[in-house]
Amino acid sequence: MNLTIILISGVILSIAFHFAGVWADAKKTVWLVIVLVWAGVISIATSEVKPKAYEDIKKMHGKYKDTDKLIDKSMPKVSVYEMILIKNSFLKNEPKE
């Protein structure tokens, strides 16, 4: 899934929740929840991966050019989002059985 699609769907859901809050007369509460959810998602996506993920990156490194570019660009501290991009690139190039 592309980041643009995720962001567009998040914005659409936020607008839908806003209108639900207007209808329920709870605008401030709904916007507070929307802000907290977005902050949580951004925090998780930008946090560093666990040490086990670095072992997986070492296994993937050196097999495909485009995956290697993503790995080199994201090192030394790899975020969860970057790990998802690396894994998707690797799986895209991996031959299907």
PDB file of N, CA and C in Angstrom:
ATOM      1  N   MET A   1       0.844  -1.169   0.000  1.00  0.00           N
ATOM      2  CA  MET A   1       0.000   0.000   0.000  1.00  0.00           C
ATOM      3  C   MET A   1       0.896   1.240   0.000  1.00  0.00           C
ATOM      4  N   ASN A   2       0.531   2.196  -0.768  1.00  0.00           N
ATOM      5  CA  ASN A   2       1.305   3.413  -0.941  1.00  0.00           C
ATOM      6  C   ASN A   2       1.014   4.394   0.206  1.00  0.00           C
ATOM      7  N   LEU A   3       1.998   5.169   0.600  1.00  0.00           N
ATOM      8  CA  LEU A   3       1.817   6.137   1.684  1.00  0.00           C
ATOM      9  C   LEU A   3       0.761   7.174   1.319  1.00  0.00           C
ATOM     10  N   THR A   4       0.705   7.579   0.065  1.00  0.00           N
ATOM     11  CA  THR A   4      -0.282   8.565  -0.372  1.00  0.00           C
ATOM     12  C   THR A   4      -1.698   8.047  -0.161  1.00  0.00           C
ATOM     13  N   ILE A   5      -1.930   6.786  -0.490  1.00  0.00           N
ATOM     14  CA  ILE A   5      -3.258   6.196  -0.302  1.00  0.00           C
ATOM     15  C   ILE A   5      -3.612   6.150   1.176  1.00  0.00           C
ATOM     16  N   ILE A   6      -2.651   5.800   2.014  1.00  0.00           N
ATOM     17  CA  ILE A   6      -2.895   5.743   3.454  1.00  0.00           C
ATOM     18  C   ILE A   6      -3.233   7.128   3.989  1.00  0.00           C
ATOM     19  N   LEU A   7      -2.483   8.154   3.575  1.00  0.00           N
ATOM     20  CA  LEU A   7      -2.739   9.510   4.054  1.00  0.00           C
ATOM     21  C   LEU A   7      -4.093  10.032   3.573  1.00  0.00           C
ATOM     22  N   ILE A   8      -4.439   9.763   2.315  1.00  0.00           N
ATOM     23  CA  ILE A   8      -5.731  10.212   1.793  1.00  0.00           C
ATOM     24  C   ILE A   8      -6.873   9.533   2.547  1.00  0.00           C
ATOM     25  N   SER A   9      -6.749   8.234   2.786  1.00  0.00           N
ATOM     26  CA  SER A   9      -7.808   7.549   3.529  1.00  0.00           C
ATOM     27  C   SER A   9      -7.880   8.054   4.966  1.00  0.00           C
ATOM     28  N   GLY A  10      -6.732   8.383   5.561  1.00  0.00           N
ATOM     29  CA  GLY A  10      -6.735   8.941   6.912  1.00  0.00           C
ATOM     30  C   GLY A  10      -7.424  10.294   6.978  1.00  0.00           C
ATOM     31  N   VAL A  11      -7.176  11.125   5.978  1.00  0.00           N
ATOM     32  CA  VAL A  11      -7.820  12.440   5.936  1.00  0.00           C
ATOM     33  C   VAL A  11      -9.327  12.282   5.746  1.00  0.00           C
ATOM     34  N   ILE A  12      -9.727  11.378   4.858  1.00  0.00           N
ATOM     35  CA  ILE A  12     -11.161  11.150   4.628  1.00  0.00           C
ATOM     36  C   ILE A  12     -11.838  10.637   5.897  1.00  0.00           C
ATOM     37  N   LEU A  13     -11.178   9.706   6.588  1.00  0.00           N
ATOM     38  CA  LEU A  13     -11.742   9.208   7.848  1.00  0.00           C
ATOM     39  C   LEU A  13     -11.807  10.310   8.904  1.00  0.00           C
ATOM     40  N   SER A  14     -10.801  11.174   8.946  1.00  0.00           N
ATOM     41  CA  SER A  14     -10.815  12.280   9.900  1.00  0.00           C
ATOM     42  C   SER A  14     -11.984  13.223   9.632  1.00  0.00           C
ATOM     43  N   ILE A  15     -12.229  13.515   8.362  1.00  0.00           N
ATOM     44  CA  ILE A  15     -13.354  14.382   8.003  1.00  0.00           C
ATOM     45  C   ILE A  15     -14.676  13.708   8.363  1.00  0.00           C
ATOM     46  N   ALA A  16     -14.766  12.400   8.113  1.00  0.00           N
ATOM     47  CA  ALA A  16     -15.989  11.670   8.461  1.00  0.00           C
ATOM     48  C   ALA A  16     -16.228  11.705   9.975  1.00  0.00           C
ATOM     49  N   PHE A  17     -15.168  11.492  10.756  1.00  0.00           N
ATOM     50  CA  PHE A  17     -15.310  11.570  12.209  1.00  0.00           C
ATOM     51  C   PHE A  17     -15.685  12.979  12.653  1.00  0.00           C
ATOM     52  N   HIS A  18     -15.155  13.985  11.976  1.00  0.00           N
ATOM     53  CA  HIS A  18     -15.512  15.360  12.303  1.00  0.00           C
ATOM     54  C   HIS A  18     -17.010  15.583  12.121  1.00  0.00           C
ATOM     55  N   PHE A  19     -17.552  15.142  10.988  1.00  0.00           N
ATOM     56  CA  PHE A  19     -18.989  15.327  10.761  1.00  0.00           C
ATOM     57  C   PHE A  19     -19.829  14.508  11.745  1.00  0.00           C
ATOM     58  N   ALA A  20     -19.319  13.347  12.150  1.00  0.00           N
ATOM     59  CA  ALA A  20     -20.018  12.570  13.191  1.00  0.00           C
ATOM     60  C   ALA A  20     -20.002  13.337  14.505  1.00  0.00           C
ATOM     61  N   GLY A  21     -18.889  14.009  14.781  1.00  0.00           N
ATOM     62  CA  GLY A  21     -18.810  14.823  15.992  1.00  0.00           C
ATOM     63  C   GLY A  21     -19.724  16.024  15.950  1.00  0.00           C
ATOM     64  N   VAL A  22     -19.853  16.642  14.785  1.00  0.00           N
ATOM     65  CA  VAL A  22     -20.778  17.766  14.628  1.00  0.00           C
ATOM     66  C   VAL A  22     -22.209  17.287  14.853  1.00  0.00           C
ATOM     67  N   TRP A  23     -22.532  16.135  14.268  1.00  0.00           N
ATOM     68  CA  TRP A  23     -23.883  15.592  14.400  1.00  0.00           C
ATOM     69  C   TRP A  23     -24.182  15.234  15.858  1.00  0.00           C
ATOM     70  N   ALA A  24     -23.188  14.692  16.576  1.00  0.00           N
ATOM     71  CA  ALA A  24     -23.382  14.290  17.970  1.00  0.00           C
ATOM     72  C   ALA A  24     -23.122  15.431  18.938  1.00  0.00           C
ATOM     73  N   ASP A  25     -22.796  16.602  18.412  1.00  0.00           N
ATOM     74  CA  ASP A  25     -22.504  17.789  19.219  1.00  0.00           C
ATOM     75  C   ASP A  25     -21.342  17.543  20.183  1.00  0.00           C
ATOM     76  N   ALA A  26     -20.303  16.896  19.668  1.00  0.00           N
ATOM     77  CA  ALA A  26     -19.108  16.613  20.462  1.00  0.00           C
ATOM     78  C   ALA A  26     -17.861  16.943  19.644  1.00  0.00           C
ATOM     79  N   LYS A  27     -17.857  18.125  19.026  1.00  0.00           N
ATOM     80  CA  LYS A  27     -16.770  18.499  18.118  1.00  0.00           C
ATOM     81  C   LYS A  27     -15.400  18.495  18.794  1.00  0.00           C
ATOM     82  N   LYS A  28     -15.309  19.095  19.963  1.00  0.00           N
ATOM     83  CA  LYS A  28     -14.008  19.196  20.629  1.00  0.00           C
ATOM     84  C   LYS A  28     -13.470  17.826  21.007  1.00  0.00           C
ATOM     85  N   THR A  29     -14.329  16.972  21.500  1.00  0.00           N
ATOM     86  CA  THR A  29     -13.897  15.627  21.887  1.00  0.00           C
ATOM     87  C   THR A  29     -13.428  14.835  20.680  1.00  0.00           C
ATOM     88  N   VAL A  30     -14.190  14.905  19.593  1.00  0.00           N
ATOM     89  CA  VAL A  30     -13.820  14.165  18.388  1.00  0.00           C
ATOM     90  C   VAL A  30     -12.497  14.680  17.832  1.00  0.00           C
ATOM     91  N   TRP A  31     -12.296  15.981  17.779  1.00  0.00           N
ATOM     92  CA  TRP A  31     -11.038  16.506  17.259  1.00  0.00           C
ATOM     93  C   TRP A  31      -9.861  16.163  18.163  1.00  0.00           C
ATOM     94  N   LEU A  32     -10.086  16.122  19.457  1.00  0.00           N
ATOM     95  CA  LEU A  32      -9.032  15.705  20.373  1.00  0.00           C
ATOM     96  C   LEU A  32      -8.637  14.259  20.092  1.00  0.00           C
ATOM     97  N   VAL A  33      -9.611  13.396  19.898  1.00  0.00           N
ATOM     98  CA  VAL A  33      -9.333  11.993  19.597  1.00  0.00           C
ATOM     99  C   VAL A  33      -8.630  11.856  18.245  1.00  0.00           C
ATOM    100  N   ILE A  34      -9.074  12.605  17.242  1.00  0.00           N
ATOM    101  CA  ILE A  34      -8.434  12.554  15.922  1.00  0.00           C
ATOM    102  C   ILE A  34      -6.967  12.977  16.024  1.00  0.00           C
ATOM    103  N   VAL A  35      -6.691  14.042  16.744  1.00  0.00           N
ATOM    104  CA  VAL A  35      -5.304  14.513  16.910  1.00  0.00           C
ATOM    105  C   VAL A  35      -4.467  13.466  17.636  1.00  0.00           C
ATOM    106  N   LEU A  36      -5.017  12.856  18.678  1.00  0.00           N
ATOM    107  CA  LEU A  36      -4.276  11.834  19.411  1.00  0.00           C
ATOM    108  C   LEU A  36      -3.998  10.596  18.550  1.00  0.00           C
ATOM    109  N   VAL A  37      -4.961  10.206  17.732  1.00  0.00           N
ATOM    110  CA  VAL A  37      -4.761   9.052  16.855  1.00  0.00           C
ATOM    111  C   VAL A  37      -3.681   9.344  15.824  1.00  0.00           C
ATOM    112  N   TRP A  38      -3.742  10.512  15.180  1.00  0.00           N
ATOM    113  CA  TRP A  38      -2.716  10.879  14.189  1.00  0.00           C
ATOM    114  C   TRP A  38      -1.339  10.955  14.849  1.00  0.00           C
ATOM    115  N   ALA A  39      -1.253  11.528  16.045  1.00  0.00           N
ATOM    116  CA  ALA A  39       0.035  11.628  16.745  1.00  0.00           C
ATOM    117  C   ALA A  39       0.582  10.236  17.060  1.00  0.00           C
ATOM    118  N   GLY A  40      -0.290   9.334  17.469  1.00  0.00           N
ATOM    119  CA  GLY A  40       0.139   7.974  17.767  1.00  0.00           C
ATOM    120  C   GLY A  40       0.640   7.241  16.535  1.00  0.00           C
ATOM    121  N   VAL A  41      -0.074   7.371  15.445  1.00  0.00           N
ATOM    122  CA  VAL A  41       0.316   6.699  14.203  1.00  0.00           C
ATOM    123  C   VAL A  41       1.644   7.236  13.685  1.00  0.00           C
ATOM    124  N   ILE A  42       1.804   8.535  13.714  1.00  0.00           N
ATOM    125  CA  ILE A  42       3.061   9.138  13.254  1.00  0.00           C
ATOM    126  C   ILE A  42       4.210   8.718  14.166  1.00  0.00           C
ATOM    127  N   SER A  43       3.962   8.657  15.460  1.00  0.00           N
ATOM    128  CA  SER A  43       4.989   8.248  16.406  1.00  0.00           C
ATOM    129  C   SER A  43       5.434   6.808  16.149  1.00  0.00           C
ATOM    130  N   ILE A  44       4.492   5.928  15.909  1.00  0.00           N
ATOM    131  CA  ILE A  44       4.835   4.527  15.645  1.00  0.00           C
ATOM    132  C   ILE A  44       5.588   4.394  14.324  1.00  0.00           C
ATOM    133  N   ALA A  45       5.128   5.091  13.295  1.00  0.00           N
ATOM    134  CA  ALA A  45       5.758   4.970  11.971  1.00  0.00           C
ATOM    135  C   ALA A  45       7.184   5.502  11.951  1.00  0.00           C
ATOM    136  N   THR A  46       7.480   6.484  12.789  1.00  0.00           N
ATOM    137  CA  THR A  46       8.818   7.071  12.785  1.00  0.00           C
ATOM    138  C   THR A  46       9.737   6.484  13.848  1.00  0.00           C
ATOM    139  N   SER A  47       9.229   5.569  14.669  1.00  0.00           N
ATOM    140  CA  SER A  47      10.080   4.975  15.697  1.00  0.00           C
ATOM    141  C   SER A  47      11.040   3.964  15.086  1.00  0.00           C
ATOM    142  N   GLU A  48      12.124   3.699  15.791  1.00  0.00           N
ATOM    143  CA  GLU A  48      13.147   2.791  15.284  1.00  0.00           C
ATOM    144  C   GLU A  48      12.689   1.340  15.436  1.00  0.00           C
ATOM    145  N   VAL A  49      13.087   0.507  14.476  1.00  0.00           N
ATOM    146  CA  VAL A  49      12.728  -0.902  14.510  1.00  0.00           C
ATOM    147  C   VAL A  49      13.520  -1.630  15.587  1.00  0.00           C
ATOM    148  N   LYS A  50      13.094  -2.849  15.904  1.00  0.00           N
ATOM    149  CA  LYS A  50      13.776  -3.671  16.904  1.00  0.00           C
ATOM    150  C   LYS A  50      15.074  -4.231  16.321  1.00  0.00           C
ATOM    151  N   PRO A  51      16.001  -4.645  17.175  1.00  0.00           N
ATOM    152  CA  PRO A  51      17.286  -5.182  16.690  1.00  0.00           C
ATOM    153  C   PRO A  51      17.134  -6.387  15.749  1.00  0.00           C
ATOM    154  N   LYS A  52      16.085  -7.182  15.910  1.00  0.00           N
ATOM    155  CA  LYS A  52      15.859  -8.330  15.031  1.00  0.00           C
ATOM    156  C   LYS A  52      15.676  -7.873  13.581  1.00  0.00           C
ATOM    157  N   ALA A  53      15.082  -6.717  13.378  1.00  0.00           N
ATOM    158  CA  ALA A  53      14.866  -6.207  12.019  1.00  0.00           C
ATOM    159  C   ALA A  53      16.190  -5.915  11.329  1.00  0.00           C
ATOM    160  N   TYR A  54      17.203  -5.492  12.078  1.00  0.00           N
ATOM    161  CA  TYR A  54      18.511  -5.237  11.478  1.00  0.00           C
ATOM    162  C   TYR A  54      19.144  -6.532  10.963  1.00  0.00           C
ATOM    163  N   GLU A  55      18.858  -7.647  11.639  1.00  0.00           N
ATOM    164  CA  GLU A  55      19.330  -8.943  11.158  1.00  0.00           C
ATOM    165  C   GLU A  55      18.656  -9.284   9.830  1.00  0.00           C
ATOM    166  N   ASP A  56      17.359  -9.007   9.733  1.00  0.00           N
ATOM    167  CA  ASP A  56      16.630  -9.246   8.482  1.00  0.00           C
ATOM    168  C   ASP A  56      17.172  -8.366   7.360  1.00  0.00           C
ATOM    169  N   ILE A  57      17.520  -7.134   7.693  1.00  0.00           N
ATOM    170  CA  ILE A  57      18.077  -6.217   6.687  1.00  0.00           C
ATOM    171  C   ILE A  57      19.410  -6.753   6.167  1.00  0.00           C
ATOM    172  N   LYS A  58      20.241  -7.297   7.061  1.00  0.00           N
ATOM    173  CA  LYS A  58      21.523  -7.864   6.636  1.00  0.00           C
ATOM    174  C   LYS A  58      21.316  -9.023   5.671  1.00  0.00           C
ATOM    175  N   LYS A  59      20.263  -9.828   5.904  1.00  0.00           N
ATOM    176  CA  LYS A  59      19.967 -10.948   5.013  1.00  0.00           C
ATOM    177  C   LYS A  59      19.497 -10.465   3.642  1.00  0.00           C
ATOM    178  N   MET A  60      18.792  -9.339   3.614  1.00  0.00           N
ATOM    179  CA  MET A  60      18.259  -8.811   2.356  1.00  0.00           C
ATOM    180  C   MET A  60      19.303  -8.015   1.578  1.00  0.00           C
ATOM    181  N   HIS A  61      20.296  -7.467   2.269  1.00  0.00           N
ATOM    182  CA  HIS A  61      21.294  -6.602   1.637  1.00  0.00           C
ATOM    183  C   HIS A  61      22.148  -7.387   0.652  1.00  0.00           C
ATOM    184  N   GLY A  62      22.370  -6.812  -0.520  1.00  0.00           N
ATOM    185  CA  GLY A  62      23.234  -7.406  -1.516  1.00  0.00           C
ATOM    186  C   GLY A  62      22.532  -8.265  -2.549  1.00  0.00           C
ATOM    187  N   LYS A  63      21.215  -8.418  -2.436  1.00  0.00           N
ATOM    188  CA  LYS A  63      20.505  -9.278  -3.387  1.00  0.00           C
ATOM    189  C   LYS A  63      19.916  -8.498  -4.560  1.00  0.00           C
ATOM    190  N   TYR A  64      19.355  -7.316  -4.287  1.00  0.00           N
ATOM    191  CA  TYR A  64      18.700  -6.535  -5.338  1.00  0.00           C
ATOM    192  C   TYR A  64      19.127  -5.079  -5.230  1.00  0.00           C
ATOM    193  N   LYS A  65      19.359  -4.438  -6.386  1.00  0.00           N
ATOM    194  CA  LYS A  65      19.866  -3.062  -6.423  1.00  0.00           C
ATOM    195  C   LYS A  65      18.928  -2.062  -5.761  1.00  0.00           C
ATOM    196  N   ASP A  66      17.639  -2.110  -6.111  1.00  0.00           N
ATOM    197  CA  ASP A  66      16.719  -1.115  -5.562  1.00  0.00           C
ATOM    198  C   ASP A  66      16.519  -1.294  -4.062  1.00  0.00           C
ATOM    199  N   THR A  67      16.553  -2.534  -3.592  1.00  0.00           N
ATOM    200  CA  THR A  67      16.457  -2.772  -2.145  1.00  0.00           C
ATOM    201  C   THR A  67      17.704  -2.256  -1.446  1.00  0.00           C
ATOM    202  N   ASP A  68      18.868  -2.467  -2.063  1.00  0.00           N
ATOM    203  CA  ASP A  68      20.121  -1.972  -1.476  1.00  0.00           C
ATOM    204  C   ASP A  68      20.132  -0.454  -1.376  1.00  0.00           C
ATOM    205  N   LYS A  69      19.578   0.221  -2.385  1.00  0.00           N
ATOM    206  CA  LYS A  69      19.501   1.690  -2.330  1.00  0.00           C
ATOM    207  C   LYS A  69      18.664   2.142  -1.143  1.00  0.00           C
ATOM    208  N   LEU A  70      17.523   1.477  -0.920  1.00  0.00           N
ATOM    209  CA  LEU A  70      16.661   1.836   0.214  1.00  0.00           C
ATOM    210  C   LEU A  70      17.360   1.564   1.544  1.00  0.00           C
ATOM    211  N   ILE A  71      18.067   0.453   1.617  1.00  0.00           N
ATOM    212  CA  ILE A  71      18.783   0.108   2.851  1.00  0.00           C
ATOM    213  C   ILE A  71      19.873   1.131   3.133  1.00  0.00           C
ATOM    214  N   ASP A  72      20.672   1.463   2.112  1.00  0.00           N
ATOM    215  CA  ASP A  72      21.759   2.431   2.294  1.00  0.00           C
ATOM    216  C   ASP A  72      21.228   3.802   2.680  1.00  0.00           C
ATOM    217  N   LYS A  73      20.103   4.170   2.097  1.00  0.00           N
ATOM    218  CA  LYS A  73      19.509   5.478   2.389  1.00  0.00           C
ATOM    219  C   LYS A  73      18.977   5.553   3.819  1.00  0.00           C
ATOM    220  N   SER A  74      18.451   4.463   4.334  1.00  0.00           N
ATOM    221  CA  SER A  74      17.807   4.493   5.647  1.00  0.00           C
ATOM    222  C   SER A  74      18.755   4.218   6.808  1.00  0.00           C
ATOM    223  N   MET A  75      19.925   3.686   6.545  1.00  0.00           N
ATOM    224  CA  MET A  75      20.867   3.372   7.618  1.00  0.00           C
ATOM    225  C   MET A  75      21.441   4.637   8.222  1.00  0.00           C
ATOM    226  N   PRO A  76      21.853   4.707   9.427  1.00  0.00           N
ATOM    227  CA  PRO A  76      22.049   3.679  10.431  1.00  0.00           C
ATOM    228  C   PRO A  76      20.814   3.428  11.296  1.00  0.00           C
ATOM    229  N   LYS A  77      19.880   4.357  11.338  1.00  0.00           N
ATOM    230  CA  LYS A  77      18.683   4.187  12.177  1.00  0.00           C
ATOM    231  C   LYS A  77      17.481   4.006  11.254  1.00  0.00           C
ATOM    232  N   VAL A  78      16.898   2.813  11.246  1.00  0.00           N
ATOM    233  CA  VAL A  78      15.804   2.480  10.345  1.00  0.00           C
ATOM    234  C   VAL A  78      14.474   2.625  11.087  1.00  0.00           C
ATOM    235  N   SER A  79      13.562   3.399  10.489  1.00  0.00           N
ATOM    236  CA  SER A  79      12.238   3.552  11.088  1.00  0.00           C
ATOM    237  C   SER A  79      11.324   2.422  10.622  1.00  0.00           C
ATOM    238  N   VAL A  80      10.181   2.296  11.271  1.00  0.00           N
ATOM    239  CA  VAL A  80       9.215   1.266  10.914  1.00  0.00           C
ATOM    240  C   VAL A  80       8.753   1.463   9.473  1.00  0.00           C
ATOM    241  N   TYR A  81       8.481   2.700   9.084  1.00  0.00           N
ATOM    242  CA  TYR A  81       8.039   2.973   7.714  1.00  0.00           C
ATOM    243  C   TYR A  81       9.110   2.589   6.701  1.00  0.00           C
ATOM    244  N   GLU A  82      10.374   2.920   6.997  1.00  0.00           N
ATOM    245  CA  GLU A  82      11.460   2.557   6.089  1.00  0.00           C
ATOM    246  C   GLU A  82      11.608   1.038   5.990  1.00  0.00           C
ATOM    247  N   MET A  83      11.411   0.338   7.101  1.00  0.00           N
ATOM    248  CA  MET A  83      11.485  -1.118   7.085  1.00  0.00           C
ATOM    249  C   MET A  83      10.390  -1.704   6.206  1.00  0.00           C
ATOM    250  N   ILE A  84       9.212  -1.120   6.248  1.00  0.00           N
ATOM    251  CA  ILE A  84       8.115  -1.579   5.394  1.00  0.00           C
ATOM    252  C   ILE A  84       8.476  -1.380   3.924  1.00  0.00           C
ATOM    253  N   LEU A  85       9.065  -0.225   3.593  1.00  0.00           N
ATOM    254  CA  LEU A  85       9.488   0.021   2.210  1.00  0.00           C
ATOM    255  C   LEU A  85      10.559  -0.978   1.761  1.00  0.00           C
ATOM    256  N   ILE A  86      11.510  -1.254   2.632  1.00  0.00           N
ATOM    257  CA  ILE A  86      12.578  -2.194   2.300  1.00  0.00           C
ATOM    258  C   ILE A  86      12.002  -3.589   2.077  1.00  0.00           C
ATOM    259  N   LYS A  87      11.147  -4.016   2.978  1.00  0.00           N
ATOM    260  CA  LYS A  87      10.551  -5.352   2.871  1.00  0.00           C
ATOM    261  C   LYS A  87       9.694  -5.474   1.608  1.00  0.00           C
ATOM    262  N   ASN A  88       8.916  -4.449   1.286  1.00  0.00           N
ATOM    263  CA  ASN A  88       8.096  -4.479   0.069  1.00  0.00           C
ATOM    264  C   ASN A  88       8.963  -4.541  -1.179  1.00  0.00           C
ATOM    265  N   SER A  89      10.057  -3.783  -1.191  1.00  0.00           N
ATOM    266  CA  SER A  89      10.971  -3.811  -2.331  1.00  0.00           C
ATOM    267  C   SER A  89      11.587  -5.195  -2.492  1.00  0.00           C
ATOM    268  N   PHE A  90      11.992  -5.789  -1.386  1.00  0.00           N
ATOM    269  CA  PHE A  90      12.593  -7.113  -1.429  1.00  0.00           C
ATOM    270  C   PHE A  90      11.591  -8.155  -1.926  1.00  0.00           C
ATOM    271  N   LEU A  91      10.380  -8.119  -1.396  1.00  0.00           N
ATOM    272  CA  LEU A  91       9.356  -9.089  -1.805  1.00  0.00           C
ATOM    273  C   LEU A  91       8.944  -8.913  -3.256  1.00  0.00           C
ATOM    274  N   LYS A  92       8.977  -7.666  -3.752  1.00  0.00           N
ATOM    275  CA  LYS A  92       8.645  -7.405  -5.136  1.00  0.00           C
ATOM    276  C   LYS A  92       9.655  -8.065  -6.077  1.00  0.00           C
ATOM    277  N   ASN A  93      10.913  -8.066  -5.675  1.00  0.00           N
ATOM    278  CA  ASN A  93      11.977  -8.640  -6.506  1.00  0.00           C
ATOM    279  C   ASN A  93      12.155 -10.139  -6.318  1.00  0.00           C
ATOM    280  N   GLU A  94      11.731 -10.653  -5.179  1.00  0.00           N
ATOM    281  CA  GLU A  94      11.904 -12.064  -4.877  1.00  0.00           C
ATOM    282  C   GLU A  94      11.078 -12.922  -5.838  1.00  0.00           C
ATOM    283  N   PRO A  95      11.675 -13.945  -6.428  1.00  0.00           N
ATOM    284  CA  PRO A  95      10.903 -14.783  -7.362  1.00  0.00           C
ATOM    285  C   PRO A  95       9.795 -15.535  -6.624  1.00  0.00           C
ATOM    286  N   LYS A  96       8.657 -15.617  -7.269  1.00  0.00           N
ATOM    287  CA  LYS A  96       7.507 -16.295  -6.678  1.00  0.00           C
ATOM    288  C   LYS A  96       7.605 -17.785  -6.962  1.00  0.00           C
ATOM    289  N   GLU A  97       7.252 -18.580  -5.974  1.00  0.00           N
ATOM    290  CA  GLU A  97       7.330 -20.031  -6.135  1.00  0.00           C
ATOM    291  C   GLU A  97       6.069 -20.600  -6.717  1.00  0.00           C
TER     292      GLU A  97
END
